[in-house]
Structures are given as structure tokens and as C-alpha cells.
């Protein structure tokens, strides 16, 4: 993390990039009045590199998981400004929680910390030993299997309650599936997908 100043915002940002030795930075800015009689505006920038921010998030998660009594290994990556942290633990079930609720809560905590500390919003993806990838595959299989049943029996089927991300997976998988349509019903957190025959 660095704090830089410049006569222009661009100058301050470029100085921060030079100091951090990377183009990939987040920054917050403020304008400061300096000087006596002939006051001039100076731009002050607080900057952090993507890699430093990712390390901060990993350290924060390490604190939380240690307080839960878990031993966790972390793998981190940044791609297209999406910060991904995959956790490997001696007790994955606790980290994931029922239907991924604990994992989503940890994601929310990380986002909130970054927002409070840096006043920025970043895309953070947390995963536990590829749980999310497996969950997507399971949901897609469920969607196809249920859609086939509905098409054959003509009886609508209501799936279990799901969050918006999971419901979107079902809707997307069945967009081009002939003979059925999907609709979400209910109020959060009891919202679910209904697969109907057309």
C-alpha cells in the first residue's frame, strides 16, 4: 500500500503505479488544499495493488477460519478483475455450510471488509475444493432430469429453495429445452424454480 501526491490526479495515480511496480491498482483519492496565499490543489491517492489486496483478503479469511478451529490451505488467483480464493480444509463441510450458506457468508464478509477498508467494490469468489463447480454440475443435471419428467408427465415440479445464483443456473440450462418453461416463485429466502410443461 502506498500514499502518493500529485498536482493532478493522473500524476498521483501514475506515481502510485510506479511505487507499487504494477499497473493493476485500486485507489481512493482526496483533494488537499496546500500553500499560503496562492493556494493550489494537490491530489492525494491511497493505493493498493491487486496482489496486496488479495493477500489482505486471504489473511482476513485465515483469521476467521483459525477462530473456527480449522486448518486451511489457500490458493489465490486474479483473472479479469475477479479475485478467487479456493480453500482446502480438514473439515470442508463446516466451511461450506448447508447449501453453501457459510461459504456465501464468508464471501459477504470479505466484500464488506474491502468496502470498509478501501471504499471499493471487487468481485470476490470463494470456493472450497471446487464445491461451486460441482454444485453447478449437480444443478444442471437436476434441471435436465426434472425437465424430462415434466415433459413426459405434463405435471409441474417445484424444486427446492435456492438463492438467485442457483436459480439462474436452472433457468439458463433449460432456456432452449423444448417442451418446458421455468419460473421463479416465492419470497426470499424461500424462492424456488418451478418447471412447467408448455
N, C-alpha and C. Protein backbone atom coordinates (compact mmCIF):
# COMPACT_ATOMS: atom_id res chain seq x y z
N UNK A 1 0.84 -1.18 0.00
CA UNK A 1 0.00 0.00 0.00
C UNK A 1 0.88 1.25 0.00
N UNK A 2 0.49 2.25 -0.77
CA UNK A 2 1.26 3.50 -0.79
C UNK A 2 0.31 4.70 -0.75
N UNK A 3 0.86 5.83 -0.32
CA UNK A 3 0.15 7.11 -0.37
C UNK A 3 1.00 8.03 -1.24
N UNK A 4 0.40 8.58 -2.30
CA UNK A 4 1.15 9.46 -3.20
C UNK A 4 0.41 10.77 -3.38
N UNK A 5 1.14 11.78 -3.85
CA UNK A 5 0.54 13.09 -4.12
C UNK A 5 0.97 13.56 -5.49
N UNK A 6 0.12 14.39 -6.11
CA UNK A 6 0.46 14.97 -7.40
C UNK A 6 -0.36 16.21 -7.66
N UNK A 7 0.13 17.04 -8.60
CA UNK A 7 -0.62 18.25 -8.96
C UNK A 7 -1.91 17.90 -9.69
N UNK A 8 -1.90 16.73 -10.33
CA UNK A 8 -3.12 16.24 -10.97
C UNK A 8 -3.39 14.84 -10.43
N UNK A 9 -4.62 14.38 -10.60
CA UNK A 9 -4.98 13.04 -10.16
C UNK A 9 -4.15 12.01 -10.92
N UNK A 10 -4.01 12.22 -12.24
CA UNK A 10 -3.25 11.29 -13.08
C UNK A 10 -1.81 11.16 -12.58
N UNK A 11 -1.21 12.29 -12.22
CA UNK A 11 0.17 12.28 -11.73
C UNK A 11 0.29 11.45 -10.45
N UNK A 12 -0.67 11.63 -9.54
CA UNK A 12 -0.67 10.89 -8.28
C UNK A 12 -0.86 9.39 -8.52
N UNK A 13 -1.77 9.06 -9.45
CA UNK A 13 -2.05 7.65 -9.76
C UNK A 13 -0.82 7.01 -10.41
N UNK A 14 -0.21 7.71 -11.35
CA UNK A 14 0.99 7.17 -12.03
C UNK A 14 2.12 6.95 -11.03
N UNK A 15 2.24 7.88 -10.09
CA UNK A 15 3.28 7.71 -9.05
C UNK A 15 3.00 6.47 -8.21
N UNK A 16 1.73 6.24 -7.89
CA UNK A 16 1.33 5.05 -7.12
C UNK A 16 1.67 3.78 -7.89
N UNK A 17 1.39 3.77 -9.20
CA UNK A 17 1.70 2.60 -10.04
C UNK A 17 3.21 2.35 -10.06
N UNK A 18 3.98 3.43 -10.16
CA UNK A 18 5.45 3.29 -10.14
C UNK A 18 5.93 2.74 -8.81
N UNK A 19 5.40 3.28 -7.72
CA UNK A 19 5.82 2.84 -6.39
C UNK A 19 5.46 1.38 -6.13
N UNK A 20 4.28 0.98 -6.61
CA UNK A 20 3.82 -0.40 -6.40
C UNK A 20 4.36 -1.35 -7.48
N UNK A 21 4.99 -0.78 -8.50
CA UNK A 21 5.57 -1.55 -9.60
C UNK A 21 4.54 -2.43 -10.33
N UNK A 22 3.34 -1.88 -10.52
CA UNK A 22 2.30 -2.59 -11.27
C UNK A 22 1.27 -1.60 -11.81
N UNK A 23 0.64 -1.98 -12.91
CA UNK A 23 -0.46 -1.18 -13.48
C UNK A 23 -1.78 -1.49 -12.78
N UNK A 24 -1.83 -2.65 -12.13
CA UNK A 24 -3.08 -3.15 -11.55
C UNK A 24 -3.24 -2.69 -10.11
N UNK A 25 -3.90 -1.54 -9.95
CA UNK A 25 -4.09 -1.00 -8.61
C UNK A 25 -5.53 -0.53 -8.41
N UNK A 26 -5.92 -0.49 -7.14
CA UNK A 26 -7.14 0.20 -6.73
C UNK A 26 -6.68 1.42 -5.95
N UNK A 27 -7.45 2.50 -6.05
CA UNK A 27 -7.06 3.68 -5.26
C UNK A 27 -8.29 4.48 -4.85
N UNK A 28 -8.08 5.22 -3.75
CA UNK A 28 -9.07 6.21 -3.34
C UNK A 28 -8.35 7.55 -3.39
N UNK A 29 -9.08 8.62 -3.67
CA UNK A 29 -8.43 9.93 -3.84
C UNK A 29 -9.07 10.96 -2.94
N UNK A 30 -8.30 11.97 -2.65
CA UNK A 30 -8.85 13.14 -1.97
C UNK A 30 -8.10 14.38 -2.46
N UNK A 31 -8.81 15.49 -2.44
CA UNK A 31 -8.19 16.74 -2.86
C UNK A 31 -7.78 17.51 -1.62
N UNK A 32 -6.53 17.98 -1.61
CA UNK A 32 -6.00 18.69 -0.45
C UNK A 32 -5.57 20.08 -0.90
N UNK A 33 -5.99 21.10 -0.15
CA UNK A 33 -5.56 22.49 -0.44
C UNK A 33 -4.22 22.73 0.25
N UNK A 34 -3.26 23.21 -0.51
CA UNK A 34 -1.93 23.44 0.06
C UNK A 34 -1.46 24.85 -0.28
N UNK A 35 -0.54 25.32 0.51
CA UNK A 35 0.05 26.62 0.22
C UNK A 35 -0.55 27.72 1.07
N UNK A 36 0.04 28.87 0.98
CA UNK A 36 -0.43 30.01 1.76
C UNK A 36 -1.36 30.88 0.96
N UNK A 37 -0.86 32.01 0.52
CA UNK A 37 -1.66 32.99 -0.21
C UNK A 37 -2.18 32.43 -1.53
N UNK A 38 -1.30 31.80 -2.27
CA UNK A 38 -1.69 31.22 -3.57
C UNK A 38 -1.93 29.73 -3.39
N UNK A 39 -3.08 29.40 -2.88
CA UNK A 39 -3.39 28.00 -2.59
C UNK A 39 -3.55 27.21 -3.87
N UNK A 40 -3.00 26.01 -3.85
CA UNK A 40 -3.17 25.12 -5.00
C UNK A 40 -3.74 23.80 -4.50
N UNK A 41 -4.37 23.09 -5.40
CA UNK A 41 -4.95 21.80 -5.05
C UNK A 41 -3.94 20.71 -5.35
N UNK A 42 -3.78 19.83 -4.39
CA UNK A 42 -2.92 18.66 -4.58
C UNK A 42 -3.81 17.43 -4.43
N UNK A 43 -3.57 16.46 -5.29
CA UNK A 43 -4.34 15.22 -5.22
C UNK A 43 -3.55 14.19 -4.43
N UNK A 44 -4.22 13.62 -3.45
CA UNK A 44 -3.61 12.60 -2.61
C UNK A 44 -4.29 11.27 -2.92
N UNK A 45 -3.50 10.23 -3.15
CA UNK A 45 -4.04 8.93 -3.52
C UNK A 45 -3.56 7.86 -2.55
N UNK A 46 -4.49 7.08 -2.02
CA UNK A 46 -4.16 5.87 -1.26
C UNK A 46 -4.34 4.71 -2.22
N UNK A 47 -3.28 3.95 -2.47
CA UNK A 47 -3.36 2.90 -3.49
C UNK A 47 -2.87 1.56 -2.95
N UNK A 48 -3.46 0.52 -3.51
CA UNK A 48 -3.06 -0.86 -3.17
C UNK A 48 -3.07 -1.67 -4.46
N UNK A 49 -2.10 -2.57 -4.59
CA UNK A 49 -2.06 -3.42 -5.79
C UNK A 49 -3.08 -4.54 -5.65
N UNK A 50 -3.49 -5.10 -6.79
CA UNK A 50 -4.42 -6.23 -6.77
C UNK A 50 -3.87 -7.35 -5.88
N UNK A 51 -2.57 -7.63 -6.05
CA UNK A 51 -1.97 -8.75 -5.33
C UNK A 51 -1.97 -8.51 -3.82
N UNK A 52 -1.68 -7.27 -3.40
CA UNK A 52 -1.71 -6.94 -1.97
C UNK A 52 -3.12 -7.08 -1.41
N UNK A 53 -4.11 -6.63 -2.19
CA UNK A 53 -5.50 -6.73 -1.74
C UNK A 53 -5.91 -8.19 -1.58
N UNK A 54 -5.50 -9.01 -2.53
CA UNK A 54 -5.81 -10.44 -2.46
C UNK A 54 -5.16 -11.06 -1.23
N UNK A 55 -3.92 -10.67 -0.94
CA UNK A 55 -3.22 -11.16 0.25
C UNK A 55 -3.93 -10.72 1.52
N UNK A 56 -4.42 -9.47 1.55
CA UNK A 56 -5.18 -8.97 2.71
C UNK A 56 -6.43 -9.81 2.93
N UNK A 57 -7.15 -10.12 1.82
CA UNK A 57 -8.37 -10.94 1.94
C UNK A 57 -8.03 -12.34 2.45
N UNK A 58 -6.96 -12.92 1.93
CA UNK A 58 -6.54 -14.25 2.37
C UNK A 58 -6.20 -14.23 3.86
N UNK A 59 -5.46 -13.22 4.31
CA UNK A 59 -5.10 -13.12 5.73
C UNK A 59 -6.34 -12.96 6.62
N UNK A 60 -7.31 -12.19 6.13
CA UNK A 60 -8.57 -11.99 6.86
C UNK A 60 -9.31 -13.32 7.00
N UNK A 61 -9.37 -14.08 5.90
CA UNK A 61 -10.03 -15.39 5.94
C UNK A 61 -9.29 -16.36 6.85
N UNK A 62 -7.96 -16.23 6.86
CA UNK A 62 -7.14 -17.09 7.72
C UNK A 62 -7.49 -16.85 9.19
N UNK A 63 -7.66 -15.57 9.56
CA UNK A 63 -8.05 -15.23 10.94
C UNK A 63 -9.40 -15.86 11.29
N UNK A 64 -10.37 -15.71 10.38
CA UNK A 64 -11.72 -16.24 10.64
C UNK A 64 -11.69 -17.76 10.78
N UNK A 65 -11.02 -18.43 9.83
CA UNK A 65 -11.01 -19.90 9.85
C UNK A 65 -10.25 -20.44 11.07
N UNK A 66 -9.19 -19.73 11.48
CA UNK A 66 -8.45 -20.15 12.69
C UNK A 66 -9.35 -20.04 13.91
N UNK A 67 -10.15 -18.96 13.97
CA UNK A 67 -11.05 -18.79 15.12
C UNK A 67 -12.14 -19.86 15.14
N UNK A 68 -12.39 -20.48 13.97
CA UNK A 68 -13.34 -21.60 13.91
C UNK A 68 -12.67 -22.93 14.25
N UNK A 69 -11.35 -22.88 14.50
CA UNK A 69 -10.61 -24.09 14.84
C UNK A 69 -10.26 -24.94 13.62
N UNK A 70 -10.22 -24.32 12.44
CA UNK A 70 -9.94 -25.07 11.21
C UNK A 70 -8.52 -24.79 10.71
N UNK A 71 -7.92 -25.82 10.14
CA UNK A 71 -6.64 -25.66 9.46
C UNK A 71 -6.95 -25.59 7.97
N UNK A 72 -6.60 -24.46 7.34
CA UNK A 72 -7.00 -24.23 5.95
C UNK A 72 -5.78 -23.84 5.11
N UNK A 73 -5.71 -24.42 3.91
CA UNK A 73 -4.72 -24.02 2.90
C UNK A 73 -5.46 -23.15 1.88
N UNK A 74 -4.76 -22.18 1.31
CA UNK A 74 -5.40 -21.26 0.37
C UNK A 74 -4.69 -21.27 -0.98
N UNK A 75 -5.48 -21.21 -2.05
CA UNK A 75 -4.97 -20.96 -3.40
C UNK A 75 -5.64 -19.69 -3.89
N UNK A 76 -4.86 -18.77 -4.43
CA UNK A 76 -5.45 -17.49 -4.85
C UNK A 76 -5.13 -17.22 -6.31
N UNK A 77 -6.03 -16.49 -6.97
CA UNK A 77 -5.77 -16.07 -8.36
C UNK A 77 -6.59 -14.82 -8.66
N UNK A 78 -6.11 -14.07 -9.66
CA UNK A 78 -6.83 -12.88 -10.14
C UNK A 78 -6.96 -13.03 -11.65
N UNK A 79 -8.19 -12.92 -12.14
CA UNK A 79 -8.41 -13.00 -13.58
C UNK A 79 -9.56 -12.08 -13.94
N UNK A 80 -9.32 -11.18 -14.89
CA UNK A 80 -10.34 -10.22 -15.32
C UNK A 80 -10.95 -9.47 -14.14
N UNK A 81 -10.10 -9.05 -13.21
CA UNK A 81 -10.52 -8.32 -12.00
C UNK A 81 -11.47 -9.11 -11.11
N UNK A 82 -11.43 -10.45 -11.23
CA UNK A 82 -12.19 -11.32 -10.32
C UNK A 82 -11.16 -11.98 -9.39
N UNK A 83 -11.35 -11.78 -8.09
CA UNK A 83 -10.43 -12.29 -7.09
C UNK A 83 -10.96 -13.63 -6.58
N UNK A 84 -10.22 -14.70 -6.83
CA UNK A 84 -10.68 -16.03 -6.46
C UNK A 84 -9.78 -16.60 -5.37
N UNK A 85 -10.42 -17.07 -4.31
CA UNK A 85 -9.70 -17.75 -3.22
C UNK A 85 -10.35 -19.11 -3.02
N UNK A 86 -9.54 -20.16 -3.22
CA UNK A 86 -10.03 -21.52 -3.01
C UNK A 86 -9.41 -22.04 -1.72
N UNK A 87 -10.26 -22.60 -0.87
CA UNK A 87 -9.81 -23.09 0.44
C UNK A 87 -9.84 -24.61 0.48
N UNK A 88 -8.83 -25.18 1.11
CA UNK A 88 -8.74 -26.62 1.30
C UNK A 88 -8.57 -26.84 2.80
N UNK A 89 -9.51 -27.59 3.39
CA UNK A 89 -9.56 -27.68 4.85
C UNK A 89 -9.63 -29.12 5.32
N UNK A 90 -9.38 -29.29 6.62
CA UNK A 90 -9.55 -30.61 7.23
C UNK A 90 -11.03 -30.87 7.53
N UNK A 91 -11.89 -29.85 7.35
CA UNK A 91 -13.33 -30.03 7.54
C UNK A 91 -14.09 -29.11 6.58
N UNK A 92 -14.18 -29.55 5.32
CA UNK A 92 -14.82 -28.72 4.29
C UNK A 92 -16.29 -28.46 4.57
N UNK A 93 -16.96 -29.41 5.20
CA UNK A 93 -18.40 -29.27 5.46
C UNK A 93 -18.69 -28.03 6.29
N UNK A 94 -17.84 -27.72 7.27
CA UNK A 94 -18.06 -26.53 8.11
C UNK A 94 -17.88 -25.26 7.27
N UNK A 95 -16.85 -25.24 6.41
CA UNK A 95 -16.60 -24.07 5.57
C UNK A 95 -17.72 -23.83 4.56
N UNK A 96 -18.28 -24.91 4.04
CA UNK A 96 -19.34 -24.80 3.02
C UNK A 96 -20.67 -24.46 3.67
N UNK A 97 -21.04 -25.19 4.72
CA UNK A 97 -22.33 -24.97 5.38
C UNK A 97 -23.46 -25.57 4.56
N UNK A 98 -24.66 -25.51 5.11
CA UNK A 98 -25.81 -26.09 4.42
C UNK A 98 -26.09 -25.32 3.13
N UNK A 99 -26.10 -26.03 2.01
CA UNK A 99 -26.32 -25.42 0.67
C UNK A 99 -25.38 -24.24 0.40
N UNK A 100 -24.19 -24.29 0.97
CA UNK A 100 -23.20 -23.24 0.69
C UNK A 100 -23.41 -21.94 1.45
N UNK A 101 -24.25 -21.97 2.50
CA UNK A 101 -24.56 -20.72 3.22
C UNK A 101 -23.35 -20.12 3.93
N UNK A 102 -22.52 -20.96 4.55
CA UNK A 102 -21.33 -20.44 5.25
C UNK A 102 -20.36 -19.83 4.24
N UNK A 103 -20.20 -20.51 3.12
CA UNK A 103 -19.31 -20.02 2.06
C UNK A 103 -19.77 -18.65 1.56
N UNK A 104 -21.08 -18.49 1.35
CA UNK A 104 -21.63 -17.20 0.90
C UNK A 104 -21.44 -16.12 1.98
N UNK A 105 -21.59 -16.52 3.26
CA UNK A 105 -21.40 -15.56 4.36
C UNK A 105 -19.95 -15.08 4.41
N UNK A 106 -18.99 -15.99 4.21
CA UNK A 106 -17.57 -15.61 4.20
C UNK A 106 -17.28 -14.66 3.04
N UNK A 107 -17.91 -14.93 1.89
CA UNK A 107 -17.76 -14.07 0.71
C UNK A 107 -18.26 -12.65 1.04
N UNK A 108 -19.42 -12.58 1.68
CA UNK A 108 -20.02 -11.30 2.06
C UNK A 108 -19.11 -10.55 3.04
N UNK A 109 -18.54 -11.26 4.01
CA UNK A 109 -17.63 -10.63 4.97
C UNK A 109 -16.40 -10.06 4.27
N UNK A 110 -15.84 -10.80 3.31
CA UNK A 110 -14.67 -10.32 2.57
C UNK A 110 -15.01 -9.06 1.79
N UNK A 111 -16.15 -9.07 1.10
CA UNK A 111 -16.57 -7.89 0.32
C UNK A 111 -16.74 -6.68 1.25
N UNK A 112 -17.38 -6.92 2.39
CA UNK A 112 -17.64 -5.82 3.34
C UNK A 112 -16.32 -5.25 3.87
N UNK A 113 -15.37 -6.12 4.19
CA UNK A 113 -14.07 -5.65 4.70
C UNK A 113 -13.36 -4.78 3.66
N UNK A 114 -13.35 -5.24 2.41
CA UNK A 114 -12.70 -4.47 1.33
C UNK A 114 -13.40 -3.12 1.16
N UNK A 115 -14.72 -3.14 1.24
CA UNK A 115 -15.51 -1.92 1.07
C UNK A 115 -15.23 -0.94 2.21
N UNK A 116 -15.19 -1.45 3.45
CA UNK A 116 -14.95 -0.58 4.61
C UNK A 116 -13.51 -0.05 4.59
N UNK A 117 -12.55 -0.94 4.33
CA UNK A 117 -11.13 -0.54 4.37
C UNK A 117 -10.74 0.35 3.19
N UNK A 118 -11.32 0.08 2.00
CA UNK A 118 -10.84 0.75 0.79
C UNK A 118 -11.90 1.52 0.03
N UNK A 119 -13.16 1.39 0.46
CA UNK A 119 -14.26 2.06 -0.23
C UNK A 119 -14.32 1.68 -1.72
N UNK A 120 -14.07 0.39 -1.99
CA UNK A 120 -14.17 -0.12 -3.36
C UNK A 120 -14.98 -1.41 -3.34
N UNK A 121 -15.55 -1.72 -4.49
CA UNK A 121 -16.30 -2.96 -4.65
C UNK A 121 -15.51 -3.86 -5.60
N UNK A 122 -15.21 -5.08 -5.15
CA UNK A 122 -14.49 -6.01 -6.01
C UNK A 122 -15.28 -7.31 -6.11
N UNK A 123 -15.05 -8.01 -7.21
CA UNK A 123 -15.69 -9.31 -7.38
C UNK A 123 -14.82 -10.35 -6.68
N UNK A 124 -15.38 -10.94 -5.64
CA UNK A 124 -14.66 -11.95 -4.85
C UNK A 124 -15.40 -13.27 -5.00
N UNK A 125 -14.66 -14.30 -5.36
CA UNK A 125 -15.24 -15.64 -5.46
C UNK A 125 -14.50 -16.54 -4.49
N UNK A 126 -15.22 -17.07 -3.52
CA UNK A 126 -14.65 -18.04 -2.58
C UNK A 126 -15.16 -19.42 -2.95
N UNK A 127 -14.28 -20.39 -2.83
CA UNK A 127 -14.68 -21.77 -3.12
C UNK A 127 -13.96 -22.69 -2.15
N UNK A 128 -14.52 -23.87 -1.95
CA UNK A 128 -13.91 -24.89 -1.11
C UNK A 128 -13.76 -26.15 -1.95
N UNK A 129 -12.52 -26.49 -2.29
CA UNK A 129 -12.22 -27.68 -3.10
C UNK A 129 -13.21 -27.86 -4.25
N UNK A 130 -13.40 -26.81 -5.03
CA UNK A 130 -14.26 -26.84 -6.23
C UNK A 130 -15.71 -27.20 -5.92
N UNK A 131 -16.18 -26.86 -4.72
CA UNK A 131 -17.58 -27.12 -4.35
C UNK A 131 -18.54 -26.45 -5.33
N UNK A 132 -18.24 -25.18 -5.69
CA UNK A 132 -19.16 -24.43 -6.56
C UNK A 132 -19.29 -25.08 -7.93
N UNK A 133 -18.16 -25.52 -8.48
CA UNK A 133 -18.19 -26.17 -9.80
C UNK A 133 -19.03 -27.44 -9.74
N UNK A 134 -18.83 -28.23 -8.68
CA UNK A 134 -19.61 -29.46 -8.52
C UNK A 134 -21.08 -29.14 -8.32
N UNK A 135 -21.36 -28.08 -7.57
CA UNK A 135 -22.76 -27.68 -7.32
C UNK A 135 -23.44 -27.29 -8.63
N UNK A 136 -22.75 -26.55 -9.48
CA UNK A 136 -23.30 -26.16 -10.79
C UNK A 136 -23.62 -27.41 -11.61
N UNK A 137 -22.69 -28.34 -11.65
CA UNK A 137 -22.91 -29.58 -12.41
C UNK A 137 -24.12 -30.35 -11.88
N UNK A 138 -24.23 -30.43 -10.54
CA UNK A 138 -25.37 -31.14 -9.93
C UNK A 138 -26.69 -30.45 -10.26
N UNK A 139 -26.71 -29.11 -10.20
CA UNK A 139 -27.93 -28.36 -10.51
C UNK A 139 -28.33 -28.53 -11.97
N UNK A 140 -27.34 -28.51 -12.86
CA UNK A 140 -27.65 -28.69 -14.29
C UNK A 140 -28.20 -30.08 -14.56
N UNK A 141 -27.63 -31.11 -13.89
CA UNK A 141 -28.16 -32.48 -14.04
C UNK A 141 -29.59 -32.57 -13.52
N UNK A 142 -29.83 -31.95 -12.35
CA UNK A 142 -31.18 -31.93 -11.77
C UNK A 142 -32.16 -31.25 -12.72
N UNK A 143 -31.75 -30.13 -13.32
CA UNK A 143 -32.62 -29.39 -14.23
C UNK A 143 -33.04 -30.26 -15.42
N UNK A 144 -32.08 -30.92 -16.05
CA UNK A 144 -32.37 -31.75 -17.23
C UNK A 144 -33.25 -32.94 -16.86
N UNK A 145 -32.90 -33.61 -15.75
CA UNK A 145 -33.68 -34.79 -15.31
C UNK A 145 -35.13 -34.40 -15.02
N UNK A 146 -35.30 -33.30 -14.27
CA UNK A 146 -36.66 -32.86 -13.91
C UNK A 146 -37.43 -32.39 -15.14
N UNK A 147 -36.75 -31.68 -16.05
CA UNK A 147 -37.42 -31.19 -17.27
C UNK A 147 -37.92 -32.35 -18.11
N UNK A 148 -37.15 -33.43 -18.20
CA UNK A 148 -37.59 -34.62 -18.96
C UNK A 148 -38.84 -35.23 -18.34
N UNK A 149 -38.84 -35.31 -17.00
CA UNK A 149 -40.02 -35.85 -16.29
C UNK A 149 -41.25 -34.99 -16.55
N UNK A 150 -41.07 -33.66 -16.43
CA UNK A 150 -42.19 -32.73 -16.63
C UNK A 150 -42.72 -32.82 -18.06
N UNK A 151 -41.83 -32.91 -19.01
CA UNK A 151 -42.24 -33.00 -20.42
C UNK A 151 -43.05 -34.28 -20.66
N UNK A 152 -42.67 -35.37 -20.00
CA UNK A 152 -43.36 -36.65 -20.16
C UNK A 152 -44.69 -36.67 -19.41
N UNK A 153 -44.70 -36.22 -18.15
CA UNK A 153 -45.90 -36.34 -17.30
C UNK A 153 -46.84 -35.15 -17.43
N UNK A 154 -46.33 -34.01 -17.91
CA UNK A 154 -47.09 -32.75 -18.01
C UNK A 154 -47.48 -32.19 -16.63
N UNK A 155 -46.81 -32.70 -15.57
CA UNK A 155 -47.09 -32.22 -14.21
C UNK A 155 -45.95 -31.29 -13.79
N UNK A 156 -46.27 -30.03 -13.37
CA UNK A 156 -45.21 -29.10 -12.96
C UNK A 156 -44.49 -29.58 -11.70
N UNK A 157 -43.23 -29.27 -11.60
CA UNK A 157 -42.43 -29.67 -10.44
C UNK A 157 -41.78 -28.42 -9.83
N UNK A 158 -41.92 -28.27 -8.50
CA UNK A 158 -41.26 -27.18 -7.78
C UNK A 158 -39.96 -27.74 -7.19
N UNK A 159 -38.86 -27.10 -7.51
CA UNK A 159 -37.56 -27.53 -6.97
C UNK A 159 -37.38 -26.95 -5.57
N UNK A 160 -36.33 -27.38 -4.89
CA UNK A 160 -36.04 -26.87 -3.54
C UNK A 160 -35.75 -25.37 -3.58
N UNK A 161 -35.83 -24.73 -2.43
CA UNK A 161 -35.49 -23.30 -2.34
C UNK A 161 -34.03 -23.10 -2.71
N UNK A 162 -33.77 -22.05 -3.50
CA UNK A 162 -32.40 -21.77 -3.95
C UNK A 162 -32.16 -20.27 -3.92
N UNK A 163 -30.87 -19.90 -3.86
CA UNK A 163 -30.54 -18.48 -3.97
C UNK A 163 -30.61 -18.06 -5.44
N UNK A 164 -30.49 -16.78 -5.71
CA UNK A 164 -30.69 -16.27 -7.08
C UNK A 164 -29.66 -16.83 -8.05
N UNK A 165 -28.42 -17.03 -7.60
CA UNK A 165 -27.38 -17.58 -8.46
C UNK A 165 -27.74 -18.99 -8.92
N UNK A 166 -28.21 -19.82 -7.97
CA UNK A 166 -28.56 -21.20 -8.29
C UNK A 166 -29.81 -21.26 -9.18
N UNK A 167 -30.78 -20.39 -8.90
CA UNK A 167 -31.99 -20.37 -9.75
C UNK A 167 -31.63 -19.99 -11.18
N UNK A 168 -30.69 -19.04 -11.33
CA UNK A 168 -30.27 -18.60 -12.66
C UNK A 168 -29.63 -19.76 -13.43
N UNK A 169 -28.88 -20.64 -12.72
CA UNK A 169 -28.27 -21.81 -13.36
C UNK A 169 -29.35 -22.70 -13.96
N UNK A 170 -30.43 -22.93 -13.19
CA UNK A 170 -31.55 -23.77 -13.67
C UNK A 170 -32.21 -23.11 -14.88
N UNK A 171 -32.55 -21.84 -14.76
CA UNK A 171 -33.20 -21.12 -15.87
C UNK A 171 -32.34 -21.17 -17.13
N UNK A 172 -31.04 -20.88 -16.99
CA UNK A 172 -30.15 -20.86 -18.16
C UNK A 172 -30.03 -22.24 -18.81
N UNK A 173 -29.94 -23.28 -17.98
CA UNK A 173 -29.79 -24.63 -18.52
C UNK A 173 -31.01 -25.05 -19.33
N UNK A 174 -32.19 -24.56 -18.94
CA UNK A 174 -33.43 -25.00 -19.61
C UNK A 174 -33.97 -23.99 -20.62
N UNK A 175 -33.22 -22.93 -20.90
CA UNK A 175 -33.67 -21.91 -21.85
C UNK A 175 -34.07 -22.50 -23.19
N UNK A 176 -33.25 -23.41 -23.72
CA UNK A 176 -33.53 -23.99 -25.04
C UNK A 176 -34.06 -25.42 -24.96
N UNK A 177 -34.53 -25.81 -23.78
CA UNK A 177 -35.06 -27.17 -23.62
C UNK A 177 -36.51 -27.19 -24.10
N UNK A 178 -36.78 -27.91 -25.18
CA UNK A 178 -38.11 -27.91 -25.81
C UNK A 178 -39.16 -28.56 -24.91
N UNK A 179 -40.33 -27.94 -24.85
CA UNK A 179 -41.47 -28.53 -24.16
C UNK A 179 -41.64 -28.13 -22.70
N UNK A 180 -40.70 -27.34 -22.16
CA UNK A 180 -40.85 -26.89 -20.77
C UNK A 180 -40.49 -25.41 -20.65
N UNK A 181 -40.98 -24.81 -19.58
CA UNK A 181 -40.59 -23.44 -19.26
C UNK A 181 -40.33 -23.38 -17.76
N UNK A 182 -39.60 -22.33 -17.33
CA UNK A 182 -39.27 -22.20 -15.92
C UNK A 182 -39.72 -20.84 -15.41
N UNK A 183 -40.08 -20.82 -14.13
CA UNK A 183 -40.47 -19.57 -13.48
C UNK A 183 -40.04 -19.64 -12.02
N UNK A 184 -39.59 -18.50 -11.47
CA UNK A 184 -39.25 -18.46 -10.04
C UNK A 184 -40.45 -17.94 -9.26
N UNK A 185 -40.72 -18.57 -8.13
CA UNK A 185 -41.84 -18.15 -7.28
C UNK A 185 -41.42 -18.12 -5.83
N UNK A 186 -42.18 -17.38 -5.01
CA UNK A 186 -41.92 -17.31 -3.57
C UNK A 186 -41.12 -16.07 -3.21
N UNK A 187 -40.99 -15.85 -1.91
CA UNK A 187 -40.23 -14.72 -1.39
C UNK A 187 -38.92 -15.23 -0.81
N UNK A 188 -37.85 -14.43 -0.97
CA UNK A 188 -36.56 -14.82 -0.38
C UNK A 188 -36.73 -15.00 1.12
N UNK A 189 -36.12 -15.97 1.76
CA UNK A 189 -35.19 -16.96 1.21
C UNK A 189 -35.88 -18.22 0.72
N UNK A 190 -37.20 -18.17 0.59
CA UNK A 190 -37.96 -19.37 0.18
C UNK A 190 -38.35 -19.33 -1.29
N UNK A 191 -37.51 -18.73 -2.11
CA UNK A 191 -37.80 -18.65 -3.54
C UNK A 191 -37.27 -19.90 -4.23
N UNK A 192 -38.05 -20.38 -5.19
CA UNK A 192 -37.68 -21.63 -5.87
C UNK A 192 -38.11 -21.57 -7.33
N UNK A 193 -37.58 -22.52 -8.10
CA UNK A 193 -37.90 -22.61 -9.53
C UNK A 193 -38.99 -23.65 -9.71
N UNK A 194 -39.97 -23.31 -10.55
CA UNK A 194 -40.99 -24.28 -10.95
C UNK A 194 -40.78 -24.57 -12.44
N UNK A 195 -40.69 -25.86 -12.76
CA UNK A 195 -40.54 -26.29 -14.15
C UNK A 195 -41.91 -26.77 -14.61
N UNK A 196 -42.40 -26.14 -15.70
CA UNK A 196 -43.76 -26.44 -16.20
C UNK A 196 -43.69 -26.96 -17.63
N UNK A 197 -44.68 -27.79 -17.98
CA UNK A 197 -44.80 -28.24 -19.37
C UNK A 197 -45.41 -27.14 -20.19
N UNK A 198 -44.99 -27.00 -21.43
CA UNK A 198 -45.58 -25.96 -22.32
C UNK A 198 -46.70 -26.55 -23.14
